[in-house]
Amino acid sequence: MIKSMTGFGRFEIAEDNRKVTVEIKSVNHRYLDVSIKMPKKLNFFDASIRNLLKEYMQRGKIDLFITYEDTSENNVTIKYHPEVAAEYMKYLTQMAEEFHIDNDVRVSLISRYPEVFTWDDVEIDEEGIWKSLEKAIRGAAESFVDSRIKEGENLKNDLIDKLDNMLAAVDFIEEKSPQIIEDYRSKLMARVSEMLEDAAIDDSRIVQEVTIFADKICVDEEMVRLRSHIETMKALLIEGGSIGRKLDFIAQEMNREANTTLSKSSDLEIANKGIELKTEIEKVREQIQNIE
């Protein structure tokens, strides 16, 4: 199957007091370039996430967005440090005695002093978080791949139509080329006959001139190679897989053959077909940039 490099996928999961939402979107890119935006507490999983994504994609500019919410009521714990409170009480009592003032210390006052109470995050359940995170990423990635496959199928059909149009142009040029040579030979014979009138015509000289002309305008090799490139590209599209780079290389070769054909053309109809070929090849190259 053919995959486009443009795609989108989204998945949300809520389990074990955790809610994870993952969105993936992409555009075309020469290599695999992954950008991840997620809460800082999930940064520990960055390498694992990147390795996981490689199972689903090989090329493209990938943007991954992760939102994470822990709905449990025990996100933090409060710890009481009696030894710290005792130290505060000791010195407050000492102050009251030394300065002969009332010791009006209350619990509410002591509780506000630093380090009497501390708040600690609950130990992170990395295994549990990764379990939920992996499910969400795989769900989004599968949806993402499905969208790429659907778009890739449309690209494949469009490219095959364009390649068929190119084959029709190649057929026309192959059929027209011998006729051009024969027309040139007839015109040359008529011109020489008119110039020499009753004098004998040197057939060997005519053959030589026609041969030189044919050699200059002959595009047989270009058409053979171009047809081969077209058929190879169609076969790759039908076979599927990660073929974007191969197709791009073939399209460059096709463009080279079309340019050579145009440079050799002395016939208006063939020149027009050569221009059609270049136009179709350019369209093909643009479409290929979106194939993984």
C-alpha atoms as a PDB file:
ATOM      1  CA  MET A   1       0.000   0.000   0.000  1.00  0.00           C
ATOM      2  CA  ILE A   2       1.015   3.608  -0.576  1.00  0.00           C
ATOM      3  CA  LYS A   3       1.140   6.036   2.349  1.00  0.00           C
ATOM      4  CA  SER A   4       0.877   9.777   2.068  1.00  0.00           C
ATOM      5  CA  MET A   5       3.111  11.874   4.302  1.00  0.00           C
ATOM      6  CA  THR A   6       0.110  14.020   5.199  1.00  0.00           C
ATOM      7  CA  GLY A   7      -1.998  12.580   7.986  1.00  0.00           C
ATOM      8  CA  PHE A   8      -3.823  13.121  11.260  1.00  0.00           C
ATOM      9  CA  GLY A   9      -4.702  10.855  14.176  1.00  0.00           C
ATOM     10  CA  ARG A  10      -6.238  11.339  17.607  1.00  0.00           C
ATOM     11  CA  PHE A  11      -6.910   9.046  20.542  1.00  0.00           C
ATOM     12  CA  GLU A  12      -8.063   9.546  24.116  1.00  0.00           C
ATOM     13  CA  ILE A  13      -7.937   7.093  26.984  1.00  0.00           C
ATOM     14  CA  ALA A  14      -9.150   7.353  30.591  1.00  0.00           C
ATOM     15  CA  GLU A  15      -8.150   4.604  33.008  1.00  0.00           C
ATOM     16  CA  ASP A  16      -6.671   4.172  36.491  1.00  0.00           C
ATOM     17  CA  ASN A  17      -7.480   7.803  37.368  1.00  0.00           C
ATOM     18  CA  ARG A  18      -5.463   8.968  34.362  1.00  0.00           C
ATOM     19  CA  LYS A  19      -6.661  10.712  31.226  1.00  0.00           C
ATOM     20  CA  VAL A  20      -4.310  10.836  28.238  1.00  0.00           C
ATOM     21  CA  THR A  21      -5.063  12.516  24.915  1.00  0.00           C
ATOM     22  CA  VAL A  22      -2.716  12.157  21.955  1.00  0.00           C
ATOM     23  CA  GLU A  23      -2.869  13.957  18.591  1.00  0.00           C
ATOM     24  CA  ILE A  24      -0.526  13.323  15.655  1.00  0.00           C
ATOM     25  CA  LYS A  25      -0.308  15.333  12.473  1.00  0.00           C
ATOM     26  CA  SER A  26       2.270  15.452   9.699  1.00  0.00           C
ATOM     27  CA  VAL A  27       3.379  17.076   6.459  1.00  0.00           C
ATOM     28  CA  ASN A  28       5.942  15.958   3.904  1.00  0.00           C
ATOM     29  CA  HIS A  29       9.625  15.949   4.781  1.00  0.00           C
ATOM     30  CA  ARG A  30      12.713  14.312   3.331  1.00  0.00           C
ATOM     31  CA  TYR A  31      13.428  12.424   6.556  1.00  0.00           C
ATOM     32  CA  LEU A  32      11.602  11.524   9.769  1.00  0.00           C
ATOM     33  CA  ASP A  33      11.494  14.645  11.931  1.00  0.00           C
ATOM     34  CA  VAL A  34       9.486  14.273  15.163  1.00  0.00           C
ATOM     35  CA  SER A  35       8.488  17.176  17.393  1.00  0.00           C
ATOM     36  CA  ILE A  36       6.855  16.271  20.746  1.00  0.00           C
ATOM     37  CA  LYS A  37       4.901  18.631  22.981  1.00  0.00           C
ATOM     38  CA  MET A  38       3.919  17.137  26.344  1.00  0.00           C
ATOM     39  CA  PRO A  39       3.888  17.926  30.099  1.00  0.00           C
ATOM     40  CA  LYS A  40       7.305  18.083  31.729  1.00  0.00           C
ATOM     41  CA  LYS A  41       6.516  15.141  34.004  1.00  0.00           C
ATOM     42  CA  LEU A  42       6.377  12.931  30.887  1.00  0.00           C
ATOM     43  CA  ASN A  43       9.788  13.978  29.518  1.00  0.00           C
ATOM     44  CA  PHE A  44      11.232  10.789  30.985  1.00  0.00           C
ATOM     45  CA  PHE A  45       9.401   8.844  28.251  1.00  0.00           C
ATOM     46  CA  ASP A  46      10.725  10.909  25.317  1.00  0.00           C
ATOM     47  CA  ALA A  47      13.063   8.225  23.922  1.00  0.00           C
ATOM     48  CA  SER A  48      10.450   5.483  24.333  1.00  0.00           C
ATOM     49  CA  ILE A  49       7.859   7.589  22.506  1.00  0.00           C
ATOM     50  CA  ARG A  50      10.210   8.237  19.581  1.00  0.00           C
ATOM     51  CA  ASN A  51      11.068   4.545  19.267  1.00  0.00           C
ATOM     52  CA  LEU A  52       7.367   3.688  19.346  1.00  0.00           C
ATOM     53  CA  LEU A  53       6.543   6.154  16.567  1.00  0.00           C
ATOM     54  CA  LYS A  54       9.175   4.567  14.288  1.00  0.00           C
ATOM     55  CA  GLU A  55       6.991   1.453  14.177  1.00  0.00           C
ATOM     56  CA  TYR A  56       4.317   3.449  12.346  1.00  0.00           C
ATOM     57  CA  MET A  57       6.172   5.979  10.179  1.00  0.00           C
ATOM     58  CA  GLN A  58       9.454   6.329   8.272  1.00  0.00           C
ATOM     59  CA  ARG A  59       9.306   9.833   6.782  1.00  0.00           C
ATOM     60  CA  GLY A  60       7.557  13.123   7.390  1.00  0.00           C
ATOM     61  CA  LYS A  61       7.522  16.174   9.657  1.00  0.00           C
ATOM     62  CA  ILE A  62       5.612  14.759  12.636  1.00  0.00           C
ATOM     63  CA  ASP A  63       4.018  16.883  15.367  1.00  0.00           C
ATOM     64  CA  LEU A  64       2.895  14.943  18.444  1.00  0.00           C
ATOM     65  CA  PHE A  65       0.762  16.586  21.123  1.00  0.00           C
ATOM     66  CA  ILE A  66       0.132  14.876  24.479  1.00  0.00           C
ATOM     67  CA  THR A  67      -2.085  16.087  27.299  1.00  0.00           C
ATOM     68  CA  TYR A  68      -2.041  14.248  30.626  1.00  0.00           C
ATOM     69  CA  GLU A  69      -4.343  14.552  33.616  1.00  0.00           C
ATOM     70  CA  ASP A  70      -4.119  12.624  36.875  1.00  0.00           C
ATOM     71  CA  THR A  71      -7.598  12.619  38.450  1.00  0.00           C
ATOM     72  CA  SER A  72      -6.617  10.753  41.631  1.00  0.00           C
ATOM     73  CA  GLU A  73      -7.024  12.597  44.943  1.00  0.00           C
ATOM     74  CA  ASN A  74      -3.633  11.492  46.224  1.00  0.00           C
ATOM     75  CA  ASN A  75      -1.335  13.485  43.997  1.00  0.00           C
ATOM     76  CA  VAL A  76       0.524  14.878  47.041  1.00  0.00           C
ATOM     77  CA  THR A  77       1.131  13.841  50.649  1.00  0.00           C
ATOM     78  CA  ILE A  78       1.474  16.093  53.699  1.00  0.00           C
ATOM     79  CA  LYS A  79       4.185  15.237  56.206  1.00  0.00           C
ATOM     80  CA  TYR A  80       4.343  16.551  59.784  1.00  0.00           C
ATOM     81  CA  HIS A  81       7.787  17.061  61.293  1.00  0.00           C
ATOM     82  CA  PRO A  82       7.357  17.078  65.131  1.00  0.00           C
ATOM     83  CA  GLU A  83      11.057  17.604  65.777  1.00  0.00           C
ATOM     84  CA  VAL A  84      10.905  20.890  63.855  1.00  0.00           C
ATOM     85  CA  ALA A  85       7.771  21.994  65.747  1.00  0.00           C
ATOM     86  CA  ALA A  86       9.490  21.077  69.045  1.00  0.00           C
ATOM     87  CA  GLU A  87      12.443  23.293  68.197  1.00  0.00           C
ATOM     88  CA  TYR A  88      10.128  26.207  67.438  1.00  0.00           C
ATOM     89  CA  MET A  89       8.282  25.660  70.765  1.00  0.00           C
ATOM     90  CA  LYS A  90      11.550  25.426  72.672  1.00  0.00           C
ATOM     91  CA  TYR A  91      12.832  28.758  71.464  1.00  0.00           C
ATOM     92  CA  LEU A  92       9.450  30.502  71.695  1.00  0.00           C
ATOM     93  CA  THR A  93       9.179  29.427  75.340  1.00  0.00           C
ATOM     94  CA  GLN A  94      12.717  30.617  75.949  1.00  0.00           C
ATOM     95  CA  MET A  95      11.878  33.998  74.432  1.00  0.00           C
ATOM     96  CA  ALA A  96       8.806  34.347  76.646  1.00  0.00           C
ATOM     97  CA  GLU A  97      10.851  33.667  79.792  1.00  0.00           C
ATOM     98  CA  GLU A  98      13.722  35.936  78.820  1.00  0.00           C
ATOM     99  CA  PHE A  99      11.525  38.891  77.916  1.00  0.00           C
ATOM    100  CA  HIS A 100       8.845  38.227  80.564  1.00  0.00           C
ATOM    101  CA  ILE A 101       6.017  38.143  78.076  1.00  0.00           C
ATOM    102  CA  ASP A 102       3.027  35.858  77.698  1.00  0.00           C
ATOM    103  CA  ASN A 103       3.558  32.737  75.702  1.00  0.00           C
ATOM    104  CA  ASP A 104       0.473  32.921  73.476  1.00  0.00           C
ATOM    105  CA  VAL A 105       1.648  30.398  70.906  1.00  0.00           C
ATOM    106  CA  ARG A 106      -1.145  28.394  69.257  1.00  0.00           C
ATOM    107  CA  VAL A 107      -1.074  25.348  67.040  1.00  0.00           C
ATOM    108  CA  SER A 108      -2.310  27.396  64.087  1.00  0.00           C
ATOM    109  CA  LEU A 109       0.734  29.642  64.461  1.00  0.00           C
ATOM    110  CA  ILE A 110       3.275  26.853  64.731  1.00  0.00           C
ATOM    111  CA  SER A 111       1.765  25.091  61.703  1.00  0.00           C
ATOM    112  CA  ARG A 112       2.634  28.072  59.518  1.00  0.00           C
ATOM    113  CA  TYR A 113       6.317  27.969  60.315  1.00  0.00           C
ATOM    114  CA  PRO A 114       8.631  26.592  57.600  1.00  0.00           C
ATOM    115  CA  GLU A 115       9.220  22.852  57.506  1.00  0.00           C
ATOM    116  CA  VAL A 116       6.656  21.996  60.171  1.00  0.00           C
ATOM    117  CA  PHE A 117       4.486  20.660  57.360  1.00  0.00           C
ATOM    118  CA  THR A 118       5.848  19.700  53.939  1.00  0.00           C
ATOM    119  CA  TRP A 119       4.115  18.643  50.754  1.00  0.00           C
ATOM    120  CA  ASP A 120       5.630  15.823  48.733  1.00  0.00           C
ATOM    121  CA  ASP A 121       4.499  14.463  45.387  1.00  0.00           C
ATOM    122  CA  VAL A 122       3.335  10.909  45.471  1.00  0.00           C
ATOM    123  CA  GLU A 123       5.935   8.593  43.940  1.00  0.00           C
ATOM    124  CA  ILE A 124       5.271   8.459  40.211  1.00  0.00           C
ATOM    125  CA  ASP A 125       3.968   5.162  38.915  1.00  0.00           C
ATOM    126  CA  GLU A 126       6.111   5.129  35.773  1.00  0.00           C
ATOM    127  CA  GLU A 127       4.969   1.689  34.681  1.00  0.00           C
ATOM    128  CA  GLY A 128       1.294   2.603  35.029  1.00  0.00           C
ATOM    129  CA  ILE A 129       1.718   5.943  33.261  1.00  0.00           C
ATOM    130  CA  TRP A 130       3.602   4.329  30.377  1.00  0.00           C
ATOM    131  CA  LYS A 131       0.917   1.668  30.052  1.00  0.00           C
ATOM    132  CA  SER A 132      -1.765   4.335  29.538  1.00  0.00           C
ATOM    133  CA  LEU A 133       0.514   6.546  27.444  1.00  0.00           C
ATOM    134  CA  GLU A 134       1.507   3.700  25.130  1.00  0.00           C
ATOM    135  CA  LYS A 135      -2.136   2.744  24.535  1.00  0.00           C
ATOM    136  CA  ALA A 136      -3.018   6.331  23.668  1.00  0.00           C
ATOM    137  CA  ILE A 137      -0.024   6.779  21.333  1.00  0.00           C
ATOM    138  CA  ARG A 138      -0.681   3.494  19.534  1.00  0.00           C
ATOM    139  CA  GLY A 139      -4.356   4.377  19.147  1.00  0.00           C
ATOM    140  CA  ALA A 140      -3.514   7.782  17.675  1.00  0.00           C
ATOM    141  CA  ALA A 141      -0.760   6.278  15.489  1.00  0.00           C
ATOM    142  CA  GLU A 142      -3.114   3.662  14.038  1.00  0.00           C
ATOM    143  CA  SER A 143      -5.687   6.336  13.238  1.00  0.00           C
ATOM    144  CA  PHE A 144      -2.875   8.451  11.783  1.00  0.00           C
ATOM    145  CA  VAL A 145      -1.641   5.605   9.564  1.00  0.00           C
ATOM    146  CA  ASP A 146      -5.194   4.905   8.340  1.00  0.00           C
ATOM    147  CA  SER A 147      -5.525   8.513   7.204  1.00  0.00           C
ATOM    148  CA  ARG A 148      -2.149   8.279   5.454  1.00  0.00           C
ATOM    149  CA  ILE A 149      -3.162   5.073   3.673  1.00  0.00           C
ATOM    150  CA  LYS A 150      -6.451   6.596   2.503  1.00  0.00           C
ATOM    151  CA  GLU A 151      -4.689   9.670   1.144  1.00  0.00           C
ATOM    152  CA  GLY A 152      -1.949   7.457  -0.323  1.00  0.00           C
ATOM    153  CA  GLU A 153      -4.520   5.428  -2.268  1.00  0.00           C
ATOM    154  CA  ASN A 154      -5.860   8.638  -3.809  1.00  0.00           C
ATOM    155  CA  LEU A 155      -2.318   9.687  -4.707  1.00  0.00           C
ATOM    156  CA  LYS A 156      -1.615   6.306  -6.296  1.00  0.00           C
ATOM    157  CA  ASN A 157      -4.721   6.441  -8.485  1.00  0.00           C
ATOM    158  CA  ASP A 158      -3.960   9.991  -9.582  1.00  0.00           C
ATOM    159  CA  LEU A 159      -0.339   9.145 -10.388  1.00  0.00           C
ATOM    160  CA  ILE A 160      -1.288   6.063 -12.405  1.00  0.00           C
ATOM    161  CA  ASP A 161      -3.703   8.183 -14.473  1.00  0.00           C
ATOM    162  CA  LYS A 162      -0.919  10.666 -15.170  1.00  0.00           C
ATOM    163  CA  LEU A 163       1.496   7.868 -16.092  1.00  0.00           C
ATOM    164  CA  ASP A 164      -1.065   6.413 -18.523  1.00  0.00           C
ATOM    165  CA  ASN A 165      -1.342   9.846 -20.158  1.00  0.00           C
ATOM    166  CA  MET A 166       2.431   9.889 -20.488  1.00  0.00           C
ATOM    167  CA  LEU A 167       2.415   6.440 -22.111  1.00  0.00           C
ATOM    168  CA  ALA A 168      -0.106   7.714 -24.657  1.00  0.00           C
ATOM    169  CA  ALA A 169       2.245  10.587 -25.497  1.00  0.00           C
ATOM    170  CA  VAL A 170       5.163   8.143 -25.847  1.00  0.00           C
ATOM    171  CA  ASP A 171       3.059   5.979 -28.206  1.00  0.00           C
ATOM    172  CA  PHE A 172       2.289   9.036 -30.331  1.00  0.00           C
ATOM    173  CA  ILE A 173       5.949  10.078 -30.597  1.00  0.00           C
ATOM    174  CA  GLU A 174       7.070   6.535 -31.469  1.00  0.00           C
ATOM    175  CA  GLU A 175       4.459   6.317 -34.231  1.00  0.00           C
ATOM    176  CA  LYS A 176       5.118   9.815 -35.541  1.00  0.00           C
ATOM    177  CA  SER A 177       8.939   9.700 -35.652  1.00  0.00           C
ATOM    178  CA  PRO A 178       9.324   7.305 -38.661  1.00  0.00           C
ATOM    179  CA  GLN A 179       6.761   9.341 -40.576  1.00  0.00           C
ATOM    180  CA  ILE A 180       8.828  12.503 -40.075  1.00  0.00           C
ATOM    181  CA  ILE A 181      11.896  10.818 -41.549  1.00  0.00           C
ATOM    182  CA  GLU A 182       9.923   9.559 -44.546  1.00  0.00           C
ATOM    183  CA  ASP A 183       8.407  13.008 -45.088  1.00  0.00           C
ATOM    184  CA  TYR A 184      11.873  14.532 -44.969  1.00  0.00           C
ATOM    185  CA  ARG A 185      13.136  12.005 -47.521  1.00  0.00           C
ATOM    186  CA  SER A 186      10.236  12.749 -49.878  1.00  0.00           C
ATOM    187  CA  LYS A 187      10.711  16.511 -49.568  1.00  0.00           C
ATOM    188  CA  LEU A 188      14.459  16.173 -50.092  1.00  0.00           C
ATOM    189  CA  MET A 189      13.947  14.026 -53.229  1.00  0.00           C
ATOM    190  CA  ALA A 190      11.442  16.519 -54.602  1.00  0.00           C
ATOM    191  CA  ARG A 191      13.753  19.459 -53.942  1.00  0.00           C
ATOM    192  CA  VAL A 192      16.773  17.768 -55.506  1.00  0.00           C
ATOM    193  CA  SER A 193      14.740  16.648 -58.520  1.00  0.00           C
ATOM    194  CA  GLU A 194      13.521  20.180 -59.061  1.00  0.00           C
ATOM    195  CA  MET A 195      17.039  21.552 -58.841  1.00  0.00           C
ATOM    196  CA  LEU A 196      18.626  18.950 -61.118  1.00  0.00           C
ATOM    197  CA  GLU A 197      15.604  18.572 -63.431  1.00  0.00           C
ATOM    198  CA  ASP A 198      16.625  15.879 -65.928  1.00  0.00           C
ATOM    199  CA  ALA A 199      19.993  15.088 -64.356  1.00  0.00           C
ATOM    200  CA  ALA A 200      20.468  11.770 -62.577  1.00  0.00           C
ATOM    201  CA  ILE A 201      19.953  11.776 -58.820  1.00  0.00           C
ATOM    202  CA  ASP A 202      22.611  10.220 -56.603  1.00  0.00           C
ATOM    203  CA  ASP A 203      20.496   7.912 -54.418  1.00  0.00           C
ATOM    204  CA  SER A 204      23.413   7.197 -52.083  1.00  0.00           C
ATOM    205  CA  ARG A 205      23.785  10.902 -51.363  1.00  0.00           C
ATOM    206  CA  ILE A 206      20.078  11.149 -50.605  1.00  0.00           C
ATOM    207  CA  VAL A 207      20.296   8.159 -48.270  1.00  0.00           C
ATOM    208  CA  GLN A 208      23.275   9.730 -46.529  1.00  0.00           C
ATOM    209  CA  GLU A 209      21.440  13.027 -45.957  1.00  0.00           C
ATOM    210  CA  VAL A 210      18.354  11.244 -44.688  1.00  0.00           C
ATOM    211  CA  THR A 211      20.492   9.144 -42.348  1.00  0.00           C
ATOM    212  CA  ILE A 212      22.181  12.238 -40.922  1.00  0.00           C
ATOM    213  CA  PHE A 213      18.791  13.897 -40.410  1.00  0.00           C
ATOM    214  CA  ALA A 214      17.326  10.780 -38.805  1.00  0.00           C
ATOM    215  CA  ASP A 215      20.260  10.539 -36.434  1.00  0.00           C
ATOM    216  CA  LYS A 216      19.743  14.135 -35.315  1.00  0.00           C
ATOM    217  CA  ILE A 217      16.031  13.775 -34.574  1.00  0.00           C
ATOM    218  CA  CYS A 218      15.932  10.131 -33.493  1.00  0.00           C
ATOM    219  CA  VAL A 219      14.389   9.767 -30.033  1.00  0.00           C
ATOM    220  CA  ASP A 220      13.999   5.985 -30.060  1.00  0.00           C
ATOM    221  CA  GLU A 221      16.388   5.490 -27.148  1.00  0.00           C
ATOM    222  CA  GLU A 222      14.761   8.276 -25.154  1.00  0.00           C
ATOM    223  CA  MET A 223      11.311   6.788 -25.694  1.00  0.00           C
ATOM    224  CA  VAL A 224      12.485   3.288 -24.742  1.00  0.00           C
ATOM    225  CA  ARG A 225      13.996   4.596 -21.505  1.00  0.00           C
ATOM    226  CA  LEU A 226      11.025   6.819 -20.768  1.00  0.00           C
ATOM    227  CA  ARG A 227       8.588   3.958 -21.295  1.00  0.00           C
ATOM    228  CA  SER A 228      10.715   1.787 -19.003  1.00  0.00           C
ATOM    229  CA  HIS A 229      10.713   4.486 -16.293  1.00  0.00           C
ATOM    230  CA  ILE A 230       6.937   4.870 -16.545  1.00  0.00           C
ATOM    231  CA  GLU A 231       6.317   1.130 -16.291  1.00  0.00           C
ATOM    232  CA  THR A 232       8.758   0.858 -13.359  1.00  0.00           C
ATOM    233  CA  MET A 233       6.998   3.663 -11.513  1.00  0.00           C
ATOM    234  CA  LYS A 234       3.589   2.070 -12.083  1.00  0.00           C
ATOM    235  CA  ALA A 235       4.888  -1.253 -10.786  1.00  0.00           C
ATOM    236  CA  LEU A 236       6.285   0.408  -7.650  1.00  0.00           C
ATOM    237  CA  LEU A 237       3.006   2.208  -7.020  1.00  0.00           C
ATOM    238  CA  ILE A 238       1.083  -1.066  -7.274  1.00  0.00           C
ATOM    239  CA  GLU A 239       3.609  -2.886  -5.097  1.00  0.00           C
ATOM    240  CA  GLY A 240       3.495  -0.181  -2.426  1.00  0.00           C
ATOM    241  CA  GLY A 241       5.721   0.333   0.593  1.00  0.00           C
ATOM    242  CA  SER A 242       8.019   3.217   1.487  1.00  0.00           C
ATOM    243  CA  ILE A 243       8.902   4.187  -2.094  1.00  0.00           C
ATOM    244  CA  GLY A 244       8.853   7.990  -2.106  1.00  0.00           C
ATOM    245  CA  ARG A 245      12.598   8.404  -2.622  1.00  0.00           C
ATOM    246  CA  LYS A 246      12.724   5.800  -5.397  1.00  0.00           C
ATOM    247  CA  LEU A 247       9.860   7.500  -7.214  1.00  0.00           C
ATOM    248  CA  ASP A 248      11.555  10.878  -6.919  1.00  0.00           C
ATOM    249  CA  PHE A 249      14.736   9.524  -8.507  1.00  0.00           C
ATOM    250  CA  ILE A 250      12.775   7.916 -11.372  1.00  0.00           C
ATOM    251  CA  ALA A 251      10.896  11.180 -11.978  1.00  0.00           C
ATOM    252  CA  GLN A 252      14.223  12.997 -12.360  1.00  0.00           C
ATOM    253  CA  GLU A 253      15.306  10.460 -14.993  1.00  0.00           C
ATOM    254  CA  MET A 254      11.973  10.834 -16.796  1.00  0.00           C
ATOM    255  CA  ASN A 255      12.417  14.594 -16.905  1.00  0.00           C
ATOM    256  CA  ARG A 256      15.894  14.174 -18.411  1.00  0.00           C
ATOM    257  CA  GLU A 257      14.515  12.012 -21.258  1.00  0.00           C
ATOM    258  CA  ALA A 258      11.718  14.503 -21.928  1.00  0.00           C
ATOM    259  CA  ASN A 259      14.222  17.374 -22.134  1.00  0.00           C
ATOM    260  CA  THR A 260      16.379  15.456 -24.612  1.00  0.00           C
ATOM    261  CA  THR A 261      13.313  14.660 -26.724  1.00  0.00           C
ATOM    262  CA  LEU A 262      12.368  18.338 -26.881  1.00  0.00           C
ATOM    263  CA  SER A 263      15.896  19.378 -27.832  1.00  0.00           C
ATOM    264  CA  LYS A 264      15.885  16.937 -30.763  1.00  0.00           C
ATOM    265  CA  SER A 265      12.389  17.702 -31.958  1.00  0.00           C
ATOM    266  CA  SER A 266      11.945  19.357 -35.338  1.00  0.00           C
ATOM    267  CA  ASP A 267       8.253  18.556 -35.648  1.00  0.00           C
ATOM    268  CA  LEU A 268       5.583  20.746 -34.080  1.00  0.00           C
ATOM    269  CA  GLU A 269       3.348  17.853 -33.053  1.00  0.00           C
ATOM    270  CA  ILE A 270       6.186  15.968 -31.373  1.00  0.00           C
ATOM    271  CA  ALA A 271       7.326  19.174 -29.686  1.00  0.00           C
ATOM    272  CA  ASN A 272       3.818  19.661 -28.301  1.00  0.00           C
ATOM    273  CA  LYS A 273       3.788  16.085 -27.014  1.00  0.00           C
ATOM    274  CA  GLY A 274       7.189  16.678 -25.455  1.00  0.00           C
ATOM    275  CA  ILE A 275       5.801  19.710 -23.634  1.00  0.00           C
ATOM    276  CA  GLU A 276       2.833  17.610 -22.466  1.00  0.00           C
ATOM    277  CA  LEU A 277       5.263  15.011 -21.160  1.00  0.00           C
ATOM    278  CA  LYS A 278       7.245  17.614 -19.209  1.00  0.00           C
ATOM    279  CA  THR A 279       4.032  19.054 -17.766  1.00  0.00           C
ATOM    280  CA  GLU A 280       2.821  15.632 -16.615  1.00  0.00           C
ATOM    281  CA  ILE A 281       6.246  14.749 -15.214  1.00  0.00           C
ATOM    282  CA  GLU A 282       6.275  17.958 -13.180  1.00  0.00           C
ATOM    283  CA  LYS A 283       2.835  17.129 -11.788  1.00  0.00           C
ATOM    284  CA  VAL A 284       4.044  13.643 -10.938  1.00  0.00           C
ATOM    285  CA  ARG A 285       7.105  15.025  -9.147  1.00  0.00           C
ATOM    286  CA  GLU A 286       4.922  17.338  -7.054  1.00  0.00           C
ATOM    287  CA  GLN A 287       2.646  14.465  -6.042  1.00  0.00           C
ATOM    288  CA  ILE A 288       5.572  12.179  -5.246  1.00  0.00           C
ATOM    289  CA  GLN A 289       6.821  14.670  -2.623  1.00  0.00           C
ATOM    290  CA  ASN A 290       3.797  13.661  -0.514  1.00  0.00           C
ATOM    291  CA  ILE A 291       4.513   9.916  -0.637  1.00  0.00           C
ATOM    292  CA  GLU A 292       6.321   8.289   2.282  1.00  0.00           C
END
